[in-house]
Amino acid sequence: MNAVATPDLDTITAEKIVDARGAACPGPLLEAKKGMATVALGSVIELWSTDPITKTDIAAWSAKVGHEFLGAVEADGYDRVFIRRGK
């Protein structure tokens, strides 16, 4: 696996995994929003997406609404995107 942002992302345990593989933009973002609403402040969700735009969308959305985009890791045919709930 190649880290796109932080090399220690593989050590993060997500509170929730949101599987949005196969969904095109804005599907993964909408799924992330739904998933974020189900976890406590400070918790991490892991979003699985096959849409290459997802990393950029999630990073921008996180900054806009107050969550922390932790980065993404390439998996087998999809990206694992990590976001910490900030509000």
N, C-alpha and C. Protein backbone atom coordinates (compact mmCIF):
# COMPACT_ATOMS: atom_id res chain seq x y z
N MET A 1 0.84 -1.19 0.00
CA MET A 1 0.00 0.00 0.00
C MET A 1 0.87 1.24 0.00
N ASN A 2 0.47 2.22 -0.77
CA ASN A 2 1.19 3.48 -0.82
C ASN A 2 0.38 4.55 -0.10
N ALA A 3 1.01 5.23 0.83
CA ALA A 3 0.33 6.30 1.55
C ALA A 3 0.30 7.55 0.68
N VAL A 4 -0.84 8.19 0.63
CA VAL A 4 -0.98 9.41 -0.13
C VAL A 4 -0.63 10.60 0.76
N ALA A 5 -0.92 10.51 2.03
CA ALA A 5 -0.66 11.63 2.93
C ALA A 5 0.23 11.17 4.09
N THR A 6 -0.37 10.74 5.17
CA THR A 6 0.38 10.36 6.37
C THR A 6 0.76 8.88 6.33
N PRO A 7 2.04 8.57 6.51
CA PRO A 7 2.47 7.16 6.38
C PRO A 7 1.92 6.23 7.45
N ASP A 8 1.43 6.74 8.57
CA ASP A 8 0.95 5.85 9.63
C ASP A 8 -0.56 5.63 9.60
N LEU A 9 -1.20 5.88 8.48
CA LEU A 9 -2.65 5.70 8.39
C LEU A 9 -3.06 4.25 8.62
N ASP A 10 -2.19 3.32 8.30
CA ASP A 10 -2.52 1.91 8.51
C ASP A 10 -2.68 1.56 9.97
N THR A 11 -2.20 2.41 10.87
CA THR A 11 -2.31 2.14 12.30
C THR A 11 -3.59 2.70 12.90
N ILE A 12 -4.34 3.47 12.11
CA ILE A 12 -5.58 4.08 12.61
C ILE A 12 -6.70 3.04 12.62
N THR A 13 -7.42 2.99 13.72
CA THR A 13 -8.61 2.15 13.78
C THR A 13 -9.82 3.06 13.66
N ALA A 14 -10.57 2.88 12.58
CA ALA A 14 -11.75 3.71 12.35
C ALA A 14 -12.92 3.23 13.19
N GLU A 15 -13.68 4.17 13.68
CA GLU A 15 -14.91 3.88 14.43
C GLU A 15 -15.94 3.26 13.49
N LYS A 16 -15.93 3.72 12.23
CA LYS A 16 -16.91 3.25 11.25
C LYS A 16 -16.25 3.18 9.88
N ILE A 17 -16.57 2.14 9.12
CA ILE A 17 -16.12 2.03 7.73
C ILE A 17 -17.34 2.26 6.84
N VAL A 18 -17.18 3.19 5.90
CA VAL A 18 -18.26 3.51 4.97
C VAL A 18 -17.80 3.02 3.59
N ASP A 19 -18.52 2.05 3.05
CA ASP A 19 -18.15 1.47 1.76
C ASP A 19 -18.93 2.15 0.64
N ALA A 20 -18.25 3.04 -0.09
CA ALA A 20 -18.89 3.76 -1.21
C ALA A 20 -18.24 3.35 -2.53
N ARG A 21 -17.64 2.17 -2.55
CA ARG A 21 -17.02 1.70 -3.79
C ARG A 21 -18.08 1.53 -4.87
N GLY A 22 -17.74 1.98 -6.07
CA GLY A 22 -18.67 1.88 -7.19
C GLY A 22 -19.55 3.10 -7.36
N ALA A 23 -19.59 3.97 -6.35
CA ALA A 23 -20.39 5.19 -6.45
C ALA A 23 -19.55 6.30 -7.06
N ALA A 24 -20.17 7.07 -7.96
CA ALA A 24 -19.48 8.21 -8.56
C ALA A 24 -19.82 9.47 -7.78
N CYS A 25 -18.99 10.48 -7.94
CA CYS A 25 -19.20 11.76 -7.29
C CYS A 25 -20.62 12.25 -7.60
N PRO A 26 -21.38 12.73 -6.63
CA PRO A 26 -21.01 13.01 -5.24
C PRO A 26 -21.37 11.90 -4.26
N GLY A 27 -21.61 10.70 -4.75
CA GLY A 27 -22.02 9.59 -3.88
C GLY A 27 -21.13 9.35 -2.68
N PRO A 28 -19.79 9.20 -2.86
CA PRO A 28 -18.93 8.96 -1.70
C PRO A 28 -18.99 10.08 -0.66
N LEU A 29 -19.09 11.33 -1.12
CA LEU A 29 -19.19 12.45 -0.19
C LEU A 29 -20.49 12.38 0.61
N LEU A 30 -21.58 12.06 -0.05
CA LEU A 30 -22.87 11.94 0.63
C LEU A 30 -22.83 10.80 1.65
N GLU A 31 -22.20 9.69 1.28
CA GLU A 31 -22.07 8.56 2.20
C GLU A 31 -21.20 8.94 3.41
N ALA A 32 -20.14 9.71 3.16
CA ALA A 32 -19.27 10.17 4.25
C ALA A 32 -20.05 11.06 5.21
N LYS A 33 -20.87 11.94 4.68
CA LYS A 33 -21.69 12.82 5.53
C LYS A 33 -22.61 11.99 6.41
N LYS A 34 -23.26 10.98 5.82
CA LYS A 34 -24.15 10.12 6.60
C LYS A 34 -23.39 9.37 7.68
N GLY A 35 -22.24 8.82 7.30
CA GLY A 35 -21.42 8.07 8.25
C GLY A 35 -20.91 8.93 9.38
N MET A 36 -20.53 10.16 9.06
CA MET A 36 -19.99 11.07 10.07
C MET A 36 -21.02 11.37 11.16
N ALA A 37 -22.28 11.44 10.75
CA ALA A 37 -23.35 11.75 11.69
C ALA A 37 -23.58 10.63 12.72
N THR A 38 -23.00 9.45 12.47
CA THR A 38 -23.24 8.31 13.35
C THR A 38 -22.12 8.07 14.35
N VAL A 39 -21.04 8.86 14.29
CA VAL A 39 -19.91 8.65 15.21
C VAL A 39 -19.73 9.86 16.13
N ALA A 40 -19.07 9.63 17.26
CA ALA A 40 -18.85 10.68 18.25
C ALA A 40 -17.77 11.66 17.80
N LEU A 41 -17.78 12.85 18.38
CA LEU A 41 -16.73 13.83 18.11
C LEU A 41 -15.36 13.21 18.37
N GLY A 42 -14.41 13.49 17.50
CA GLY A 42 -13.06 12.94 17.65
C GLY A 42 -12.88 11.56 17.06
N SER A 43 -13.97 10.91 16.67
CA SER A 43 -13.89 9.57 16.08
C SER A 43 -13.48 9.67 14.61
N VAL A 44 -12.94 8.58 14.11
CA VAL A 44 -12.48 8.52 12.72
C VAL A 44 -13.39 7.61 11.92
N ILE A 45 -13.77 8.08 10.72
CA ILE A 45 -14.43 7.18 9.78
C ILE A 45 -13.45 6.89 8.65
N GLU A 46 -13.59 5.72 8.08
CA GLU A 46 -12.79 5.30 6.93
C GLU A 46 -13.75 5.12 5.77
N LEU A 47 -13.52 5.87 4.72
CA LEU A 47 -14.38 5.82 3.54
C LEU A 47 -13.66 5.05 2.44
N TRP A 48 -14.33 4.05 1.90
CA TRP A 48 -13.76 3.30 0.78
C TRP A 48 -14.39 3.82 -0.50
N SER A 49 -13.55 4.19 -1.46
CA SER A 49 -14.07 4.76 -2.70
C SER A 49 -13.22 4.37 -3.90
N THR A 50 -13.89 4.10 -5.00
CA THR A 50 -13.21 3.82 -6.26
C THR A 50 -13.15 5.07 -7.15
N ASP A 51 -13.79 6.15 -6.73
CA ASP A 51 -13.79 7.41 -7.49
C ASP A 51 -12.52 8.20 -7.13
N PRO A 52 -11.64 8.45 -8.12
CA PRO A 52 -10.38 9.14 -7.83
C PRO A 52 -10.55 10.58 -7.32
N ILE A 53 -11.69 11.18 -7.57
CA ILE A 53 -11.95 12.56 -7.14
C ILE A 53 -12.26 12.62 -5.64
N THR A 54 -12.62 11.49 -5.06
CA THR A 54 -13.08 11.47 -3.67
C THR A 54 -12.08 12.10 -2.70
N LYS A 55 -10.79 11.79 -2.84
CA LYS A 55 -9.78 12.34 -1.92
C LYS A 55 -9.83 13.86 -1.90
N THR A 56 -9.90 14.47 -3.09
CA THR A 56 -9.94 15.93 -3.19
C THR A 56 -11.24 16.48 -2.61
N ASP A 57 -12.36 15.84 -2.96
CA ASP A 57 -13.67 16.27 -2.46
C ASP A 57 -13.73 16.20 -0.93
N ILE A 58 -13.27 15.09 -0.37
CA ILE A 58 -13.34 14.90 1.08
C ILE A 58 -12.42 15.88 1.79
N ALA A 59 -11.24 16.13 1.25
CA ALA A 59 -10.32 17.09 1.87
C ALA A 59 -10.95 18.48 1.90
N ALA A 60 -11.56 18.91 0.79
CA ALA A 60 -12.18 20.23 0.71
C ALA A 60 -13.39 20.32 1.64
N TRP A 61 -14.22 19.28 1.63
CA TRP A 61 -15.42 19.26 2.49
C TRP A 61 -15.02 19.29 3.96
N SER A 62 -14.01 18.50 4.33
CA SER A 62 -13.57 18.45 5.72
C SER A 62 -13.12 19.82 6.20
N ALA A 63 -12.32 20.51 5.39
CA ALA A 63 -11.84 21.84 5.76
C ALA A 63 -12.99 22.82 5.89
N LYS A 64 -13.97 22.69 5.02
CA LYS A 64 -15.10 23.61 5.00
C LYS A 64 -16.01 23.45 6.22
N VAL A 65 -16.23 22.22 6.65
CA VAL A 65 -17.20 21.98 7.73
C VAL A 65 -16.57 21.71 9.09
N GLY A 66 -15.26 21.66 9.18
CA GLY A 66 -14.61 21.52 10.48
C GLY A 66 -14.17 20.14 10.88
N HIS A 67 -14.12 19.20 9.93
CA HIS A 67 -13.57 17.87 10.21
C HIS A 67 -12.09 17.88 9.82
N GLU A 68 -11.37 16.83 10.20
CA GLU A 68 -9.96 16.74 9.88
C GLU A 68 -9.72 15.63 8.85
N PHE A 69 -9.26 16.02 7.67
CA PHE A 69 -8.90 15.05 6.64
C PHE A 69 -7.53 14.50 7.02
N LEU A 70 -7.47 13.21 7.31
CA LEU A 70 -6.22 12.60 7.77
C LEU A 70 -5.37 12.07 6.63
N GLY A 71 -5.99 11.83 5.48
CA GLY A 71 -5.26 11.33 4.33
C GLY A 71 -5.93 10.11 3.72
N ALA A 72 -5.24 9.52 2.76
CA ALA A 72 -5.78 8.36 2.06
C ALA A 72 -4.68 7.36 1.78
N VAL A 73 -5.07 6.10 1.72
CA VAL A 73 -4.15 5.00 1.41
C VAL A 73 -4.75 4.23 0.25
N GLU A 74 -3.90 3.87 -0.72
CA GLU A 74 -4.38 3.06 -1.83
C GLU A 74 -4.52 1.62 -1.36
N ALA A 75 -5.67 1.04 -1.67
CA ALA A 75 -5.89 -0.37 -1.36
C ALA A 75 -5.98 -1.12 -2.69
N ASP A 76 -6.59 -2.27 -2.71
CA ASP A 76 -6.67 -3.08 -3.92
C ASP A 76 -7.80 -2.58 -4.82
N GLY A 77 -7.52 -1.56 -5.63
CA GLY A 77 -8.51 -1.06 -6.57
C GLY A 77 -9.41 0.05 -6.03
N TYR A 78 -9.12 0.52 -4.82
CA TYR A 78 -9.91 1.61 -4.24
C TYR A 78 -9.04 2.38 -3.26
N ASP A 79 -9.52 3.54 -2.84
CA ASP A 79 -8.83 4.35 -1.85
C ASP A 79 -9.51 4.21 -0.50
N ARG A 80 -8.70 4.18 0.55
CA ARG A 80 -9.19 4.22 1.93
C ARG A 80 -8.93 5.63 2.43
N VAL A 81 -10.00 6.39 2.65
CA VAL A 81 -9.89 7.81 3.03
C VAL A 81 -10.28 7.94 4.50
N PHE A 82 -9.46 8.64 5.27
CA PHE A 82 -9.67 8.76 6.71
C PHE A 82 -10.04 10.18 7.09
N ILE A 83 -11.11 10.34 7.87
CA ILE A 83 -11.59 11.65 8.30
C ILE A 83 -11.92 11.57 9.80
N ARG A 84 -11.44 12.56 10.56
CA ARG A 84 -11.76 12.63 11.99
C ARG A 84 -12.88 13.65 12.18
N ARG A 85 -13.92 13.27 12.91
CA ARG A 85 -15.04 14.17 13.14
C ARG A 85 -14.61 15.32 14.05
N GLY A 86 -14.86 16.52 13.58
CA GLY A 86 -14.42 17.69 14.32
C GLY A 86 -15.53 18.52 14.90
N LYS A 87 -16.78 18.23 14.54
CA LYS A 87 -17.90 19.02 15.09
C LYS A 87 -19.15 18.20 15.11
